[in-house]
Protein backbone atom coordinates (compact mmCIF):
# COMPACT_ATOMS: atom_id res chain seq x y z
CA MET A 1 76.94 142.82 23.44
CA ARG A 2 77.81 144.81 20.35
CA ILE A 3 76.36 143.32 17.18
CA SER A 4 77.62 144.84 13.92
CA ILE A 5 75.03 145.32 11.18
CA ASP A 6 77.50 143.47 8.89
CA GLU A 7 77.24 140.26 10.94
CA PHE A 8 73.68 139.32 9.72
CA SER A 9 71.46 139.76 6.75
CA ARG A 10 68.07 138.91 8.27
CA MET A 11 66.44 139.93 11.52
CA VAL A 12 63.74 137.98 13.28
CA VAL A 13 61.84 138.96 16.43
CA TYR A 14 60.13 135.98 18.03
CA ASP A 15 58.22 134.86 21.09
CA ASN A 16 56.44 131.70 22.32
CA GLY A 17 56.81 129.77 19.13
CA LYS A 18 55.82 132.57 16.78
CA ILE A 19 57.65 134.98 14.47
CA LEU A 20 56.42 138.46 15.27
CA PHE A 21 58.56 140.25 12.72
CA GLU A 22 61.20 139.48 10.14
CA LYS A 23 63.06 141.51 7.65
CA GLY A 24 65.89 141.02 5.19
CA ARG A 25 66.36 144.40 3.50
CA ASP A 26 67.56 147.82 4.56
CA LEU A 27 68.35 146.67 8.10
CA ASN A 28 70.78 149.58 8.57
CA ALA A 29 68.13 152.24 7.74
CA ILE A 30 66.75 154.36 10.52
CA GLY A 31 63.02 154.82 10.05
CA THR A 32 60.42 156.82 12.01
CA PHE A 33 56.62 156.71 11.94
CA GLU A 34 54.63 159.76 12.74
CA ASN A 35 50.99 160.75 11.93
CA GLY A 36 50.50 157.57 9.87
CA LYS A 37 53.55 158.19 7.71
CA TYR A 38 56.88 156.38 7.54
CA SER A 39 60.10 158.21 6.79
CA SER A 40 63.83 157.52 6.95
CA GLU A 41 66.96 159.56 6.79
CA TYR A 42 68.64 158.67 3.53
CA PHE A 43 72.16 159.34 4.73
CA ASP A 44 71.88 157.82 8.24
CA ARG A 45 73.12 154.21 8.61
CA ILE A 46 73.17 151.94 11.65
CA GLU A 47 76.57 150.51 12.50
CA PHE A 48 75.80 148.21 15.42
CA PHE A 49 73.13 147.24 17.93
CA ASN A 50 73.65 146.64 21.64
CA LEU A 51 71.93 143.45 22.79
CA PRO A 52 72.22 140.86 25.53
CA GLU A 53 74.48 137.92 24.76
CA VAL A 54 73.83 136.50 21.30
CA LYS A 55 74.58 132.75 20.92
CA ASN A 56 75.03 130.51 17.93
CA ALA A 57 72.30 127.99 17.09
CA ARG A 58 72.17 125.00 14.71
CA LYS A 59 68.41 125.08 14.08
CA GLU A 60 65.49 127.44 14.45
CA ASN A 61 63.75 127.17 17.82
CA LEU A 62 61.06 129.76 18.43
CA PHE A 63 60.46 128.60 21.95
CA ARG A 64 63.83 129.81 23.18
CA LYS A 65 64.10 132.82 25.38
CA ASP A 66 67.33 134.36 24.14
CA CYS A 67 68.99 135.97 21.12
CA TYR A 68 70.93 133.80 18.66
CA PHE A 69 72.51 133.65 15.27
CA LEU A 70 71.43 130.98 12.74
CA LYS A 71 72.92 130.18 9.35
CA TYR A 72 70.51 129.91 6.46
CA THR A 73 70.33 129.78 2.68
CA VAL A 74 67.97 131.29 0.10
CA PRO A 75 66.40 129.23 -2.67
CA TYR A 76 68.24 130.95 -5.57
CA MET A 77 71.67 130.87 -3.82
CA THR A 78 71.75 127.63 -1.90
CA TRP A 79 75.57 127.47 -2.06
CA GLU A 80 75.89 130.70 -0.02
CA LYS A 81 75.43 130.60 3.77
CA ARG A 82 73.84 133.69 5.36
CA THR A 83 73.23 134.65 8.96
CA ALA A 84 69.99 135.55 10.61
CA LEU A 85 69.78 137.31 13.97
CA TYR A 86 66.92 136.03 16.18
CA ILE A 87 65.94 138.51 18.90
CA HIS A 88 63.65 137.29 21.68
CA VAL A 89 60.95 139.87 22.35
CA SER A 90 62.13 140.17 26.00
CA ALA A 91 65.40 141.76 24.81
CA ILE A 92 63.71 144.80 23.28
CA ASP A 93 60.48 146.77 23.46
CA PHE A 94 58.45 145.70 20.48
CA GLU A 95 55.42 147.48 19.01
CA ASP A 96 53.25 146.40 16.09
CA LEU A 97 52.18 149.62 14.41
CA GLY A 98 49.79 147.90 12.02
CA GLU A 99 49.20 148.19 8.29
CA HIS A 100 49.21 151.59 6.64
CA ILE A 101 49.24 153.12 3.19
CA GLU A 102 52.77 153.25 1.75
CA SER A 103 51.89 154.96 -1.59
CA ALA A 104 49.00 155.61 -3.93
CA PHE A 105 49.11 156.45 -7.61
CA ASP A 106 47.31 155.55 -10.94
CA GLY A 107 44.37 154.07 -9.05
CA GLN A 108 46.63 151.78 -7.06
CA THR A 109 47.02 151.83 -3.29
CA ASN A 110 49.91 150.02 -1.71
CA TYR A 111 50.05 148.92 1.93
CA MET A 112 52.86 147.96 4.27
CA HIS A 113 53.02 146.73 7.85
CA TYR A 114 55.22 148.68 10.29
CA TYR A 115 57.00 147.76 13.47
CA ARG A 116 58.81 149.81 16.07
CA LEU A 117 61.85 148.25 17.85
CA HIS A 118 63.26 149.96 20.94
CA PHE A 119 66.72 148.79 21.93
CA PRO A 120 67.20 149.51 25.72
CA ASP A 121 70.97 149.74 25.30
CA GLY A 122 70.73 151.62 22.04
CA PHE A 123 72.52 151.41 18.70
CA ARG A 124 75.19 153.55 17.03
CA TYR A 125 74.73 155.06 13.57
CA LYS A 126 76.49 157.29 11.21
CA HIS A 127 74.84 160.62 10.54
CA ARG A 128 75.62 162.86 7.54
CA ASN A 129 75.64 166.53 8.41
CA PHE A 130 75.11 169.34 5.92
CA GLU A 131 76.03 173.03 6.26
CA ARG A 132 75.57 175.86 3.74
CA MET A 133 78.31 178.43 3.81
CA ASN A 134 78.97 181.74 2.12
CA VAL A 135 82.77 182.07 1.86
CA SER A 136 85.04 184.76 0.52
CA ASP A 137 87.63 184.51 -2.34
CA GLY A 138 90.46 183.96 0.11
CA TRP A 139 88.88 180.92 1.83
CA LYS A 140 91.12 177.86 2.08
CA LEU A 141 90.31 174.17 2.47
CA PRO A 142 90.82 173.14 6.13
CA ASP A 143 93.47 170.59 6.94
CA GLY A 144 92.25 167.00 6.60
CA ALA A 145 89.22 167.98 4.47
CA THR A 146 88.68 167.00 0.80
CA TRP A 147 86.81 168.39 -2.14
CA ASP A 148 83.38 166.91 -3.15
CA HIS A 149 83.65 163.46 -1.57
CA GLY A 150 84.77 161.96 1.76
CA GLN A 151 84.04 161.88 5.50
CA ASN A 152 84.68 165.65 5.69
CA CYS A 153 84.31 167.41 2.39
CA TYR A 154 83.40 170.73 0.76
CA THR A 155 81.63 171.33 -2.55
CA LEU A 156 81.51 174.60 -4.47
CA VAL A 157 78.06 175.82 -5.62
CA ASP A 158 78.17 177.49 -8.98
CA LYS A 159 76.22 180.70 -9.92
CA GLU A 160 73.61 178.77 -11.87
CA ASP A 161 72.73 176.60 -8.84
CA GLN A 162 72.72 179.60 -6.54
CA ASP A 163 70.19 181.39 -8.79
CA ARG A 164 68.02 178.29 -9.01
CA ASN A 165 67.94 177.79 -5.27
CA LYS A 166 67.03 181.46 -4.83
CA ARG A 167 64.14 181.17 -7.22
CA LEU A 168 62.84 178.06 -5.42
CA MET A 169 62.92 179.80 -2.06
CA GLU A 170 61.01 182.74 -3.54
CA GLU A 171 58.39 180.44 -5.05
CA TYR A 172 57.85 178.77 -1.66
CA GLY A 173 57.79 182.12 0.18
CA LYS A 174 60.82 181.21 2.25
CA PRO A 175 63.74 183.50 3.13
CA TYR A 176 66.90 182.90 1.09
CA GLU A 177 70.31 183.12 2.60
CA PRO A 178 73.13 183.32 -0.01
CA TYR A 179 75.65 180.47 -0.03
CA ASN A 180 78.36 179.29 -2.41
CA MET A 181 79.71 176.32 -0.51
CA ILE A 182 78.31 173.11 1.03
CA HIS A 183 80.14 171.43 3.84
CA GLU A 184 79.39 167.75 4.52
CA TRP A 185 80.75 165.59 7.33
CA THR A 186 79.96 162.30 9.01
CA SER A 187 79.47 162.02 12.77
CA GLU A 188 78.54 159.05 15.06
CA LYS A 189 75.38 159.20 17.06
CA TYR A 190 73.32 156.89 19.29
CA GLY A 191 69.68 156.04 19.01
CA TYR A 192 67.16 153.75 20.65
CA ASP A 193 64.15 153.50 18.42
CA VAL A 194 63.93 152.27 14.83
CA VAL A 195 60.83 151.64 12.70
CA TYR A 196 60.93 148.99 10.00
CA PRO A 197 58.44 148.42 7.27
CA THR A 198 57.86 144.95 5.78
CA ASP A 199 60.09 144.10 2.80
CA THR A 200 57.16 143.89 0.39
CA PHE A 201 53.65 145.25 0.13
CA THR A 202 51.22 143.46 2.37
CA ARG A 203 48.26 144.43 0.23
CA ILE A 204 47.51 146.19 -3.08
CA GLU A 205 44.14 147.68 -3.90
CA TYR A 206 42.86 148.97 -7.29
CA ASP A 207 40.04 151.42 -7.71
CA LYS A 208 37.22 150.74 -10.21
CA GLU A 209 38.84 152.61 -13.09
CA ARG A 210 42.13 150.75 -12.68
CA GLN A 211 40.37 147.43 -12.44
CA ASP A 212 38.59 148.13 -15.73
CA GLN A 213 41.86 149.10 -17.41
CA GLU A 214 43.60 145.93 -16.10
CA ARG A 215 40.68 143.80 -17.40
CA ILE A 216 40.75 145.36 -20.87
CA ALA A 217 44.52 144.87 -21.12
CA GLU A 218 44.16 141.24 -20.01
CA VAL A 219 41.48 140.50 -22.66
CA VAL A 220 43.44 142.28 -25.50
CA ASN A 221 46.58 140.29 -24.67
CA GLU A 222 44.57 137.10 -24.50
CA VAL A 223 43.04 137.65 -27.92
CA LEU A 224 46.39 138.62 -29.52
CA GLY A 225 48.11 135.69 -27.88
CA ARG A 226 50.99 137.71 -26.51
CA HIS A 227 51.62 140.27 -23.85
CA THR A 228 51.31 143.50 -25.89
CA ILE A 229 49.66 146.24 -23.84
CA SER A 230 49.41 147.22 -20.19
CA HIS A 231 46.88 149.21 -18.21
CA TYR A 232 48.95 152.33 -19.01
CA ASP A 233 48.35 151.75 -22.75
CA VAL A 234 44.60 151.22 -22.13
CA LYS A 235 44.46 154.42 -20.14
CA LYS A 236 45.87 156.33 -23.16
CA LEU A 237 43.53 154.60 -25.64
CA LEU A 238 40.49 155.44 -23.50
CA THR A 239 41.19 159.16 -23.96
CA LYS A 240 40.35 158.66 -27.71
CA LEU A 241 38.31 155.45 -27.85
CA THR A 242 35.40 153.79 -26.14
CA ILE A 243 36.34 150.17 -25.35
CA GLU A 244 33.85 147.56 -24.05
CA ILE A 245 34.35 143.84 -23.33
CA LYS A 246 31.73 141.60 -24.91
């Protein structure tokens, strides 16, 4: 059964009375997970999934053994009915990849949980293709194509951008092939595996330096009676001042 990505706004994988995975954002993104790192193709978008029969349900029942749609609302938009897709784990191959670091900066480490869903009957997605071309002055736009935007389009690359790209290739020690045109077109492809991260961080950790900065900012704001500074401000101040909490 073909299920368009536009038919639902929340996905739930369940089994034996428990929710194994749920997500409500970026359901059309195609993610992969290799060597502990998640990545996704920015221009690739899922169009539909192939699943066994999906029924309509009036209430959530996590002890069912099938796939079903269920209407729901969110607290801040109770007047708007949305649709969740419940997938019984028997309809797909489901793998819990565990919690991994999503990003780390300024003494802060963010974690997310990742899940791999394998759809035995696959899914179709739109793939954006890119080709660099070096065309002569007499080149003409092919029939059906457009300039700059569209399903099949061409974009001229000016001399300034050409020189910049050449310098970048030289800096990275990579060969540079001259081009003055970029061809973009959309094609339809089929896939079977998609990796989804949780919608929000599952855990955030601060190192000792960041914890100290947060604490100083908290005390200063408490003393002043208003939210005035952040840990970023404290970090700057500590380059010129020694600050201690009594």
